[in-house]
């Protein structure tokens, strides 16, 4: 059943009793502002809503950190630069620095 907000406030016990047969919709100036439903239906909605949520990338990293902590796992990463490794971008950076340092004519 549909109720106007003022009427629903005045007849709240009736509104609550009526949820046994169907959800009670409350309107303010023809805009739906509330719906009163049975507690079991609300619990079912909450369970469904929880299942629909997709975990974010941040959530995945939190879970991964927890798993690593539980397993006492540490990730060893190699050094980024080693003396015997050729890095072509370093040469490009040096050339562009030398090029950009020349005076503009």
Protein backbone atom coordinates (compact mmCIF):
# COMPACT_ATOMS: atom_id res chain seq x y z
CA UNK A 1 0.00 0.00 0.00
CA UNK A 2 1.10 3.58 -0.58
CA UNK A 3 1.12 6.14 2.23
CA UNK A 4 1.71 9.84 2.38
CA UNK A 5 4.47 10.67 4.85
CA UNK A 6 2.22 12.56 7.28
CA UNK A 7 -0.36 9.78 7.25
CA UNK A 8 2.30 7.08 7.78
CA UNK A 9 3.69 8.97 10.78
CA UNK A 10 0.25 9.22 12.35
CA UNK A 11 -0.68 5.59 11.65
CA UNK A 12 2.69 3.89 12.17
CA UNK A 13 1.24 0.84 14.00
CA UNK A 14 -1.10 0.21 11.06
CA UNK A 15 1.74 0.62 8.58
CA UNK A 16 3.85 -1.92 10.50
CA UNK A 17 0.96 -4.39 10.70
CA UNK A 18 0.37 -4.06 6.95
CA UNK A 19 3.90 -5.21 6.02
CA UNK A 20 2.77 -8.79 6.62
CA UNK A 21 0.80 -8.66 3.37
CA UNK A 22 3.03 -6.41 1.23
CA UNK A 23 5.76 -3.76 1.43
CA UNK A 24 4.48 -0.36 2.51
CA UNK A 25 5.67 2.55 0.37
CA UNK A 26 5.84 6.04 1.84
CA UNK A 27 5.73 9.10 -0.37
CA UNK A 28 6.49 12.76 0.24
CA UNK A 29 5.17 15.06 -2.46
CA UNK A 30 4.75 12.10 -4.85
CA UNK A 31 8.37 11.03 -4.38
CA UNK A 32 9.11 7.64 -2.83
CA UNK A 33 11.08 8.33 0.37
CA UNK A 34 10.83 5.02 2.25
CA UNK A 35 9.69 1.43 2.03
CA UNK A 36 8.85 -0.65 5.07
CA UNK A 37 9.27 -4.39 4.54
CA UNK A 38 9.31 -7.59 6.61
CA UNK A 39 12.57 -8.28 8.46
CA UNK A 40 13.08 -11.62 6.64
CA UNK A 41 12.78 -9.94 3.26
CA UNK A 42 15.29 -7.32 4.35
CA UNK A 43 17.74 -10.02 5.55
CA UNK A 44 17.39 -11.79 2.19
CA UNK A 45 18.09 -8.51 0.41
CA UNK A 46 21.22 -7.89 2.51
CA UNK A 47 22.54 -11.39 1.74
CA UNK A 48 21.85 -10.91 -1.99
CA UNK A 49 23.46 -7.46 -1.97
CA UNK A 50 26.60 -8.81 -0.29
CA UNK A 51 26.92 -11.51 -2.99
CA UNK A 52 26.58 -8.92 -5.77
CA UNK A 53 29.47 -6.79 -4.60
CA UNK A 54 32.63 -7.28 -6.66
CA UNK A 55 35.81 -6.99 -4.64
CA UNK A 56 38.07 -4.13 -5.68
CA UNK A 57 41.73 -4.44 -6.63
CA UNK A 58 42.58 -2.93 -3.25
CA UNK A 59 40.56 -5.68 -1.54
CA UNK A 60 42.48 -8.30 -3.53
CA UNK A 61 45.81 -6.84 -2.37
CA UNK A 62 44.63 -6.78 1.24
CA UNK A 63 43.68 -10.45 0.95
CA UNK A 64 47.04 -11.25 -0.68
CA UNK A 65 48.94 -9.47 2.11
CA UNK A 66 46.98 -11.43 4.72
CA UNK A 67 47.73 -14.72 2.96
CA UNK A 68 51.44 -13.87 2.72
CA UNK A 69 51.53 -12.96 6.42
CA UNK A 70 49.78 -16.21 7.39
CA UNK A 71 52.20 -18.28 5.30
CA UNK A 72 55.22 -16.24 6.51
CA UNK A 73 56.02 -15.56 2.86
CA UNK A 74 58.27 -12.74 1.73
CA UNK A 75 58.80 -11.69 -1.86
CA UNK A 76 62.43 -11.23 -2.72
CA UNK A 77 62.97 -8.74 -5.53
CA UNK A 78 66.22 -8.40 -7.46
CA UNK A 79 68.04 -5.10 -7.59
CA UNK A 80 66.75 -2.87 -10.37
CA UNK A 81 70.15 -1.98 -11.79
CA UNK A 82 73.15 -4.24 -11.97
CA UNK A 83 76.52 -3.17 -13.31
CA UNK A 84 76.54 -5.69 -16.16
CA UNK A 85 73.07 -4.93 -17.50
CA UNK A 86 72.66 -2.69 -20.56
CA UNK A 87 69.97 -0.02 -20.04
CA UNK A 88 69.19 1.76 -23.33
CA UNK A 89 66.85 4.30 -21.73
CA UNK A 90 69.69 5.61 -19.59
CA UNK A 91 71.61 6.46 -22.76
CA UNK A 92 68.56 8.23 -24.19
CA UNK A 93 68.23 10.28 -21.03
CA UNK A 94 71.89 11.34 -21.19
CA UNK A 95 71.56 12.31 -24.86
CA UNK A 96 68.38 14.31 -24.26
CA UNK A 97 70.00 16.10 -21.30
CA UNK A 98 72.98 17.08 -23.43
CA UNK A 99 70.68 18.17 -26.25
CA UNK A 100 68.43 20.22 -23.97
CA UNK A 101 71.36 21.94 -22.25
CA UNK A 102 72.55 23.63 -25.45
CA UNK A 103 71.56 27.31 -25.68
CA UNK A 104 68.61 28.23 -27.87
CA UNK A 105 69.45 30.53 -30.74
